[in-house]
Structure formats: C-alpha cells, structure tokens
Amino acid sequence: MSDLFSNPLEIETGAAPVFSVIWLHGLGADCNDFKDLPNMLDFPSGLPVRFILPNAPERPITLNGGMIMRGWYDLTGMEIVKQEDVAGLSEAAGIVESLVRREEGRGISRSRIVVGGFSQGGAVALHYGFGCEEPLGGIVGLSTYLPLSGTFPESAEKGAIPTPVFLAHGLFDPVLVLALGESSRQVLEDNGCDVSWHTYPMPHTVTPEEVRDLSAWLNARVWPGDN
C-alpha cells in the first residue's frame, strides 16, 4: 500500500504551508478527480495550504459485480447502511492516519489539518475524524453519509466531538439519496457535533455555489483558528 501515502498528489498554494487538507476521492475515481480544488477555493491572501490527494486501493466492489476499481472500502448493495465493510473502513482510516502523522512530522499540528472528501471519500473522512482522540481542524463531507452511524454514540471519540464539520448534499442525488445525508447530519447533531449543513438543487456532483460556501466555512471556522 506504499503508493497510497508515500506518493499522493500534493499541491501547495504557497511556500512553507501552515495548514494541510487531506482530500479523498469517490468510488472509482482517483487523486486527479479533485486536483482543481485548490484553485476553486477562495483562500485568504497569502495563506499557504498543502493539499494531499491520495489514491484509494484497487479492490473488487461487490455492488458493481466484483469489478476492480479504486475504492476506500467495499459496497455490498444499494442499502448502504446494511452490511457495512467494517474492515475496509478501518483500513481506510489507517491510510488517513498515516497521512496525518506525516503532516505532523512536517510541522503541521492536527488542529491545522482538514480531512475531507466526496461521496465514499467523505464517508471515510467522517469515520476517521470522529475516531481521533484529538480534534482535527475540520472535517468536510460532500454528497456523503456517516458510516456505522448506529454505533456512533458508543464509538465516537469524545475528544473529536468539537471538530467543526461541513456537510453538503444534492437535493436530487440518485446515488446517495438526500435522506441518507440528513439522517447522518441528525446523528452527528444529536451527539453534540458542530455541523454546518448545506443542500443544493443538484445530483451527485459538486457545484460552484457549494465550493463558495465551503470556502466561506473554511475562512470562518478553520483558517483563522491558528493562523
């Protein structure tokens, strides 16, 4: 698995980054899917941020007839919250943890690290972020859901609860329906999480309006905290 975190795509918005964003792509995509994200976001002038975009492992995906593709974990059927791939989620969280530790080794504290992603990548971001003993700078989940939500009250680390979360979902998402995102939001809020929730008239995709709202959230909740 060395190629996953030893050589992820890295993009820096300036010299000597003071924040890091670890961004996870969706099922069947790769690290290039969001390579334009740094250019899409509106940063404070002169703020240097390092974006780390790893590739998921290649694995057979049961839902897709066993076809091998990049996926953070297996999906067994359309009922996403049933028979979840606990081992795959744990493996994915381990990959993210390795990337976070590497950023710490480069002088970026956890409070300055944002973990986010789209669809399956966002699910891993939520699963990993609330399994941390210390809060991250932020968690971002676009068009996604909270894995293993039924055990969240018992499994979530209390130290992670203060981590600010940005969740966005399409009103017409045919892949991960809106109700799945809404129920995930409810579980997080019921357990005291700080959730910023946004919906857009879109399918399973990303829109400019969504990116603008994410930029505003990052500028208000994440960047100023330690800058």
C-alpha atoms as a PDB file:
ATOM      1  CA  MET A   1       0.000   0.000   0.000  1.00  0.00           C
ATOM      2  CA  SER A   2       3.064   2.221  -0.039  1.00  0.00           C
ATOM      3  CA  ASP A   3       1.981   4.145  -3.155  1.00  0.00           C
ATOM      4  CA  LEU A   4      -1.151   5.331  -1.352  1.00  0.00           C
ATOM      5  CA  PHE A   5       0.514   7.647   1.083  1.00  0.00           C
ATOM      6  CA  SER A   6       4.171   7.780   0.068  1.00  0.00           C
ATOM      7  CA  ASN A   7       3.363   9.396  -3.296  1.00  0.00           C
ATOM      8  CA  PRO A   8      -0.039  11.100  -3.136  1.00  0.00           C
ATOM      9  CA  LEU A   9      -0.692  14.062  -5.383  1.00  0.00           C
ATOM     10  CA  GLU A  10       0.383  17.195  -3.498  1.00  0.00           C
ATOM     11  CA  ILE A  11      -0.454  20.794  -4.353  1.00  0.00           C
ATOM     12  CA  GLU A  12       0.746  23.785  -2.310  1.00  0.00           C
ATOM     13  CA  THR A  13      -0.810  27.230  -2.545  1.00  0.00           C
ATOM     14  CA  GLY A  14       2.343  28.887  -1.215  1.00  0.00           C
ATOM     15  CA  ALA A  15       5.752  28.259   0.303  1.00  0.00           C
ATOM     16  CA  ALA A  16       6.034  26.690   3.777  1.00  0.00           C
ATOM     17  CA  PRO A  17       2.379  25.605   4.235  1.00  0.00           C
ATOM     18  CA  VAL A  18       0.798  26.246   7.636  1.00  0.00           C
ATOM     19  CA  PHE A  19      -2.370  24.187   7.017  1.00  0.00           C
ATOM     20  CA  SER A  20      -2.942  20.833   5.323  1.00  0.00           C
ATOM     21  CA  VAL A  21      -6.034  19.441   3.593  1.00  0.00           C
ATOM     22  CA  ILE A  22      -6.201  15.674   3.035  1.00  0.00           C
ATOM     23  CA  TRP A  23      -8.827  15.082   0.357  1.00  0.00           C
ATOM     24  CA  LEU A  24     -10.292  11.670  -0.539  1.00  0.00           C
ATOM     25  CA  HIS A  25     -11.893  10.946  -3.903  1.00  0.00           C
ATOM     26  CA  GLY A  26     -15.065   8.950  -4.516  1.00  0.00           C
ATOM     27  CA  LEU A  27     -15.558   5.352  -5.610  1.00  0.00           C
ATOM     28  CA  GLY A  28     -13.986   4.541  -8.978  1.00  0.00           C
ATOM     29  CA  ALA A  29     -12.215   7.897  -9.278  1.00  0.00           C
ATOM     30  CA  ASP A  30      -8.605   8.740  -8.422  1.00  0.00           C
ATOM     31  CA  CYS A  31      -6.465  11.510  -6.962  1.00  0.00           C
ATOM     32  CA  ASN A  32      -6.831  13.643 -10.090  1.00  0.00           C
ATOM     33  CA  ASP A  33     -10.599  13.965  -9.636  1.00  0.00           C
ATOM     34  CA  PHE A  34     -10.197  16.960  -7.321  1.00  0.00           C
ATOM     35  CA  LYS A  35      -6.829  18.309  -8.448  1.00  0.00           C
ATOM     36  CA  ASP A  36      -8.518  21.640  -9.289  1.00  0.00           C
ATOM     37  CA  LEU A  37      -9.979  22.072  -5.789  1.00  0.00           C
ATOM     38  CA  PRO A  38      -7.165  24.353  -4.549  1.00  0.00           C
ATOM     39  CA  ASN A  39      -7.841  26.721  -7.457  1.00  0.00           C
ATOM     40  CA  MET A  40     -11.592  26.613  -6.863  1.00  0.00           C
ATOM     41  CA  LEU A  41     -11.437  27.570  -3.188  1.00  0.00           C
ATOM     42  CA  ASP A  42     -11.139  31.196  -2.100  1.00  0.00           C
ATOM     43  CA  PHE A  43      -8.214  31.482   0.322  1.00  0.00           C
ATOM     44  CA  PRO A  44      -7.177  34.440   2.448  1.00  0.00           C
ATOM     45  CA  SER A  45      -4.442  36.345   0.660  1.00  0.00           C
ATOM     46  CA  GLY A  46      -1.048  34.761   1.188  1.00  0.00           C
ATOM     47  CA  LEU A  47      -2.272  31.723   3.185  1.00  0.00           C
ATOM     48  CA  PRO A  48      -0.101  28.703   2.240  1.00  0.00           C
ATOM     49  CA  VAL A  49      -2.035  25.417   2.324  1.00  0.00           C
ATOM     50  CA  ARG A  50      -0.835  21.956   1.314  1.00  0.00           C
ATOM     51  CA  PHE A  51      -3.400  19.690  -0.363  1.00  0.00           C
ATOM     52  CA  ILE A  52      -2.733  15.934  -0.177  1.00  0.00           C
ATOM     53  CA  LEU A  53      -4.792  13.815  -2.569  1.00  0.00           C
ATOM     54  CA  PRO A  54      -4.120  10.063  -2.179  1.00  0.00           C
ATOM     55  CA  ASN A  55      -5.393   7.194  -4.306  1.00  0.00           C
ATOM     56  CA  ALA A  56      -7.654   4.572  -2.772  1.00  0.00           C
ATOM     57  CA  PRO A  57      -6.590   0.920  -3.091  1.00  0.00           C
ATOM     58  CA  GLU A  58      -7.827  -1.056  -6.066  1.00  0.00           C
ATOM     59  CA  ARG A  59     -10.339  -3.646  -4.882  1.00  0.00           C
ATOM     60  CA  PRO A  60     -13.305  -5.662  -6.141  1.00  0.00           C
ATOM     61  CA  ILE A  61     -16.563  -3.821  -5.428  1.00  0.00           C
ATOM     62  CA  THR A  62     -19.410  -6.238  -4.737  1.00  0.00           C
ATOM     63  CA  LEU A  63     -22.123  -3.745  -5.724  1.00  0.00           C
ATOM     64  CA  ASN A  64     -20.511  -3.425  -9.158  1.00  0.00           C
ATOM     65  CA  GLY A  65     -20.370  -7.161  -9.822  1.00  0.00           C
ATOM     66  CA  GLY A  66     -16.927  -7.579  -8.315  1.00  0.00           C
ATOM     67  CA  MET A  67     -15.330  -5.159 -10.764  1.00  0.00           C
ATOM     68  CA  ILE A  68     -11.915  -3.997  -9.585  1.00  0.00           C
ATOM     69  CA  MET A  69     -11.670  -0.242  -9.107  1.00  0.00           C
ATOM     70  CA  ARG A  70     -10.302   2.275  -6.672  1.00  0.00           C
ATOM     71  CA  GLY A  71     -12.404   2.210  -3.529  1.00  0.00           C
ATOM     72  CA  TRP A  72     -11.783   3.063   0.091  1.00  0.00           C
ATOM     73  CA  TYR A  73     -13.966   0.117   1.156  1.00  0.00           C
ATOM     74  CA  ASP A  74     -16.363  -2.405  -0.370  1.00  0.00           C
ATOM     75  CA  LEU A  75     -20.047  -1.761  -1.018  1.00  0.00           C
ATOM     76  CA  THR A  76     -22.235  -4.835  -0.919  1.00  0.00           C
ATOM     77  CA  GLY A  77     -25.572  -3.404  -2.054  1.00  0.00           C
ATOM     78  CA  MET A  78     -27.743  -0.365  -2.629  1.00  0.00           C
ATOM     79  CA  GLU A  79     -28.817  -0.318   1.014  1.00  0.00           C
ATOM     80  CA  ILE A  80     -25.649   1.482   2.047  1.00  0.00           C
ATOM     81  CA  VAL A  81     -26.122   1.271   5.809  1.00  0.00           C
ATOM     82  CA  LYS A  82     -26.605  -2.505   5.860  1.00  0.00           C
ATOM     83  CA  GLN A  83     -23.674  -4.960   5.920  1.00  0.00           C
ATOM     84  CA  GLU A  84     -21.107  -2.177   6.012  1.00  0.00           C
ATOM     85  CA  ASP A  85     -17.470  -3.050   5.341  1.00  0.00           C
ATOM     86  CA  VAL A  86     -16.041  -2.514   8.820  1.00  0.00           C
ATOM     87  CA  ALA A  87     -12.621  -3.920   7.922  1.00  0.00           C
ATOM     88  CA  GLY A  88     -12.379  -1.758   4.807  1.00  0.00           C
ATOM     89  CA  LEU A  89     -13.346   1.359   6.733  1.00  0.00           C
ATOM     90  CA  SER A  90     -10.703   0.552   9.341  1.00  0.00           C
ATOM     91  CA  GLU A  91      -8.089   0.100   6.623  1.00  0.00           C
ATOM     92  CA  ALA A  92      -9.059   3.416   5.027  1.00  0.00           C
ATOM     93  CA  ALA A  93      -8.866   5.188   8.385  1.00  0.00           C
ATOM     94  CA  GLY A  94      -5.378   3.762   8.817  1.00  0.00           C
ATOM     95  CA  ILE A  95      -4.325   5.233   5.470  1.00  0.00           C
ATOM     96  CA  VAL A  96      -5.612   8.658   6.512  1.00  0.00           C
ATOM     97  CA  GLU A  97      -3.910   8.386   9.891  1.00  0.00           C
ATOM     98  CA  SER A  98      -0.593   7.698   8.137  1.00  0.00           C
ATOM     99  CA  LEU A  99      -1.054  10.836   6.061  1.00  0.00           C
ATOM    100  CA  VAL A 100      -1.977  12.901   9.124  1.00  0.00           C
ATOM    101  CA  ARG A 101       1.072  11.650  11.001  1.00  0.00           C
ATOM    102  CA  ARG A 102       3.261  12.536   8.046  1.00  0.00           C
ATOM    103  CA  GLU A 103       1.899  16.078   8.093  1.00  0.00           C
ATOM    104  CA  GLU A 104       2.589  16.280  11.813  1.00  0.00           C
ATOM    105  CA  GLY A 105       6.148  15.232  11.034  1.00  0.00           C
ATOM    106  CA  ARG A 106       6.333  18.148   8.617  1.00  0.00           C
ATOM    107  CA  GLY A 107       5.323  20.567  11.350  1.00  0.00           C
ATOM    108  CA  ILE A 108       1.539  20.801  10.855  1.00  0.00           C
ATOM    109  CA  SER A 109      -0.453  20.159  14.041  1.00  0.00           C
ATOM    110  CA  ARG A 110      -3.718  18.204  13.956  1.00  0.00           C
ATOM    111  CA  SER A 111      -5.608  21.413  14.720  1.00  0.00           C
ATOM    112  CA  ARG A 112      -4.368  22.720  11.358  1.00  0.00           C
ATOM    113  CA  ILE A 113      -5.301  19.628   9.341  1.00  0.00           C
ATOM    114  CA  VAL A 114      -8.619  19.266   7.498  1.00  0.00           C
ATOM    115  CA  VAL A 115      -9.741  15.825   6.298  1.00  0.00           C
ATOM    116  CA  GLY A 116     -12.455  15.790   3.666  1.00  0.00           C
ATOM    117  CA  GLY A 117     -13.797  14.031   0.641  1.00  0.00           C
ATOM    118  CA  PHE A 118     -16.552  13.422  -1.849  1.00  0.00           C
ATOM    119  CA  SER A 119     -19.048  10.535  -1.622  1.00  0.00           C
ATOM    120  CA  GLN A 120     -17.166   7.452  -0.365  1.00  0.00           C
ATOM    121  CA  GLY A 121     -14.168   9.666   0.405  1.00  0.00           C
ATOM    122  CA  GLY A 122     -16.348  11.900   2.566  1.00  0.00           C
ATOM    123  CA  ALA A 123     -17.646   8.861   4.432  1.00  0.00           C
ATOM    124  CA  VAL A 124     -14.062   7.876   5.270  1.00  0.00           C
ATOM    125  CA  ALA A 125     -13.319  11.438   6.373  1.00  0.00           C
ATOM    126  CA  LEU A 126     -16.221  11.332   8.842  1.00  0.00           C
ATOM    127  CA  HIS A 127     -15.364   7.835  10.042  1.00  0.00           C
ATOM    128  CA  TYR A 128     -11.717   8.740  10.569  1.00  0.00           C
ATOM    129  CA  GLY A 129     -12.272  12.201  12.027  1.00  0.00           C
ATOM    130  CA  PHE A 130     -14.594  11.083  14.799  1.00  0.00           C
ATOM    131  CA  GLY A 131     -12.309   8.181  15.643  1.00  0.00           C
ATOM    132  CA  CYS A 132      -9.472  10.562  16.555  1.00  0.00           C
ATOM    133  CA  GLU A 133      -8.693  11.192  20.205  1.00  0.00           C
ATOM    134  CA  GLU A 134      -7.884  14.834  19.401  1.00  0.00           C
ATOM    135  CA  PRO A 135      -9.961  17.148  17.207  1.00  0.00           C
ATOM    136  CA  LEU A 136      -8.844  17.970  13.689  1.00  0.00           C
ATOM    137  CA  GLY A 137      -9.044  21.439  12.207  1.00  0.00           C
ATOM    138  CA  GLY A 138     -12.163  20.371  10.344  1.00  0.00           C
ATOM    139  CA  ILE A 139     -13.986  17.553   8.551  1.00  0.00           C
ATOM    140  CA  VAL A 140     -15.632  18.024   5.141  1.00  0.00           C
ATOM    141  CA  GLY A 141     -18.148  15.622   3.606  1.00  0.00           C
ATOM    142  CA  LEU A 142     -19.648  16.369   0.193  1.00  0.00           C
ATOM    143  CA  SER A 143     -22.552  14.199  -1.053  1.00  0.00           C
ATOM    144  CA  THR A 144     -21.861  11.572   1.585  1.00  0.00           C
ATOM    145  CA  TYR A 145     -23.051   9.879   4.771  1.00  0.00           C
ATOM    146  CA  LEU A 146     -21.816   8.778   8.201  1.00  0.00           C
ATOM    147  CA  PRO A 147     -20.719   5.116   8.150  1.00  0.00           C
ATOM    148  CA  LEU A 148     -21.662   2.847  11.052  1.00  0.00           C
ATOM    149  CA  SER A 149     -23.999   5.556  12.320  1.00  0.00           C
ATOM    150  CA  GLY A 150     -25.881   3.113  14.553  1.00  0.00           C
ATOM    151  CA  THR A 151     -22.860   2.718  16.821  1.00  0.00           C
ATOM    152  CA  PHE A 152     -21.711   6.348  16.653  1.00  0.00           C
ATOM    153  CA  PRO A 153     -22.724   7.284  20.225  1.00  0.00           C
ATOM    154  CA  GLU A 154     -20.529   4.491  21.600  1.00  0.00           C
ATOM    155  CA  SER A 155     -17.698   4.516  19.052  1.00  0.00           C
ATOM    156  CA  ALA A 156     -17.040   8.230  18.547  1.00  0.00           C
ATOM    157  CA  GLU A 157     -14.108   9.607  20.495  1.00  0.00           C
ATOM    158  CA  LYS A 158     -15.254  12.317  22.914  1.00  0.00           C
ATOM    159  CA  GLY A 159     -12.179  14.380  22.111  1.00  0.00           C
ATOM    160  CA  ALA A 160     -13.205  14.557  18.446  1.00  0.00           C
ATOM    161  CA  ILE A 161     -16.731  15.893  19.006  1.00  0.00           C
ATOM    162  CA  PRO A 162     -15.673  19.599  18.931  1.00  0.00           C
ATOM    163  CA  THR A 163     -14.257  19.221  15.389  1.00  0.00           C
ATOM    164  CA  PRO A 164     -16.252  21.525  13.067  1.00  0.00           C
ATOM    165  CA  VAL A 165     -17.961  19.689  10.196  1.00  0.00           C
ATOM    166  CA  PHE A 166     -19.111  20.917   6.786  1.00  0.00           C
ATOM    167  CA  LEU A 167     -21.712  18.672   5.122  1.00  0.00           C
ATOM    168  CA  ALA A 168     -23.288  19.331   1.731  1.00  0.00           C
ATOM    169  CA  HIS A 169     -25.745  17.255  -0.285  1.00  0.00           C
ATOM    170  CA  GLY A 170     -27.689  17.410  -3.524  1.00  0.00           C
ATOM    171  CA  LEU A 171     -31.463  17.565  -3.308  1.00  0.00           C
ATOM    172  CA  PHE A 172     -31.699  15.257  -6.334  1.00  0.00           C
ATOM    173  CA  ASP A 173     -28.837  12.861  -5.566  1.00  0.00           C
ATOM    174  CA  PRO A 174     -29.709   9.456  -7.093  1.00  0.00           C
ATOM    175  CA  VAL A 175     -26.580   7.725  -5.764  1.00  0.00           C
ATOM    176  CA  LEU A 176     -26.653   8.658  -2.075  1.00  0.00           C
ATOM    177  CA  VAL A 177     -30.170   9.953  -1.501  1.00  0.00           C
ATOM    178  CA  LEU A 178     -30.759  13.129   0.469  1.00  0.00           C
ATOM    179  CA  ALA A 179     -32.395  11.213   3.337  1.00  0.00           C
ATOM    180  CA  LEU A 180     -29.113   9.388   3.940  1.00  0.00           C
ATOM    181  CA  GLY A 181     -27.257  12.666   4.317  1.00  0.00           C
ATOM    182  CA  GLU A 182     -29.990  14.134   6.502  1.00  0.00           C
ATOM    183  CA  SER A 183     -30.026  11.150   8.856  1.00  0.00           C
ATOM    184  CA  SER A 184     -26.245  11.334   9.151  1.00  0.00           C
ATOM    185  CA  ARG A 185     -26.475  15.009   9.998  1.00  0.00           C
ATOM    186  CA  GLN A 186     -29.081  14.224  12.656  1.00  0.00           C
ATOM    187  CA  VAL A 187     -26.908  11.579  14.319  1.00  0.00           C
ATOM    188  CA  LEU A 188     -23.974  13.990  14.459  1.00  0.00           C
ATOM    189  CA  GLU A 189     -26.055  16.838  15.845  1.00  0.00           C
ATOM    190  CA  ASP A 190     -27.755  14.574  18.397  1.00  0.00           C
ATOM    191  CA  ASN A 191     -24.307  13.722  19.724  1.00  0.00           C
ATOM    192  CA  GLY A 192     -23.201  17.319  20.100  1.00  0.00           C
ATOM    193  CA  CYS A 193     -21.208  17.724  16.885  1.00  0.00           C
ATOM    194  CA  ASP A 194     -20.738  21.149  15.311  1.00  0.00           C
ATOM    195  CA  VAL A 195     -22.309  20.657  11.874  1.00  0.00           C
ATOM    196  CA  SER A 196     -22.720  23.198   9.073  1.00  0.00           C
ATOM    197  CA  TRP A 197     -25.327  21.662   6.715  1.00  0.00           C
ATOM    198  CA  HIS A 198     -25.993  22.779   3.128  1.00  0.00           C
ATOM    199  CA  THR A 199     -28.206  21.467   0.323  1.00  0.00           C
ATOM    200  CA  TYR A 200     -28.217  22.345  -3.367  1.00  0.00           C
ATOM    201  CA  PRO A 201     -30.505  21.627  -6.348  1.00  0.00           C
ATOM    202  CA  MET A 202     -28.043  19.147  -7.891  1.00  0.00           C
ATOM    203  CA  PRO A 203     -27.497  15.389  -8.379  1.00  0.00           C
ATOM    204  CA  HIS A 204     -24.367  13.519  -7.169  1.00  0.00           C
ATOM    205  CA  THR A 205     -21.853  16.206  -8.059  1.00  0.00           C
ATOM    206  CA  VAL A 206     -20.194  19.438  -6.914  1.00  0.00           C
ATOM    207  CA  THR A 207     -21.389  22.941  -7.830  1.00  0.00           C
ATOM    208  CA  PRO A 208     -19.669  26.357  -7.762  1.00  0.00           C
ATOM    209  CA  GLU A 209     -22.142  27.568  -5.132  1.00  0.00           C
ATOM    210  CA  GLU A 210     -21.174  24.633  -2.917  1.00  0.00           C
ATOM    211  CA  VAL A 211     -17.477  25.456  -3.301  1.00  0.00           C
ATOM    212  CA  ARG A 212     -18.161  29.100  -2.405  1.00  0.00           C
ATOM    213  CA  ASP A 213     -19.965  28.016   0.761  1.00  0.00           C
ATOM    214  CA  LEU A 214     -17.118  25.643   1.624  1.00  0.00           C
ATOM    215  CA  SER A 215     -14.624  28.484   1.134  1.00  0.00           C
ATOM    216  CA  ALA A 216     -16.615  30.738   3.457  1.00  0.00           C
ATOM    217  CA  TRP A 217     -16.798  27.986   6.087  1.00  0.00           C
ATOM    218  CA  LEU A 218     -13.064  27.303   5.913  1.00  0.00           C
ATOM    219  CA  ASN A 219     -12.274  31.013   6.153  1.00  0.00           C
ATOM    220  CA  ALA A 220     -14.597  31.473   9.134  1.00  0.00           C
ATOM    221  CA  ARG A 221     -14.071  28.247  11.086  1.00  0.00           C
ATOM    222  CA  VAL A 222     -10.702  26.742  10.201  1.00  0.00           C
ATOM    223  CA  TRP A 223      -8.037  29.059   8.841  1.00  0.00           C
ATOM    224  CA  PRO A 224      -8.277  31.850  11.456  1.00  0.00           C
ATOM    225  CA  GLY A 225      -8.100  29.476  14.420  1.00  0.00           C
ATOM    226  CA  ASP A 226      -4.336  29.036  14.472  1.00  0.00           C
ATOM    227  CA  ASN A 227      -3.217  31.478  11.816  1.00  0.00           C
END
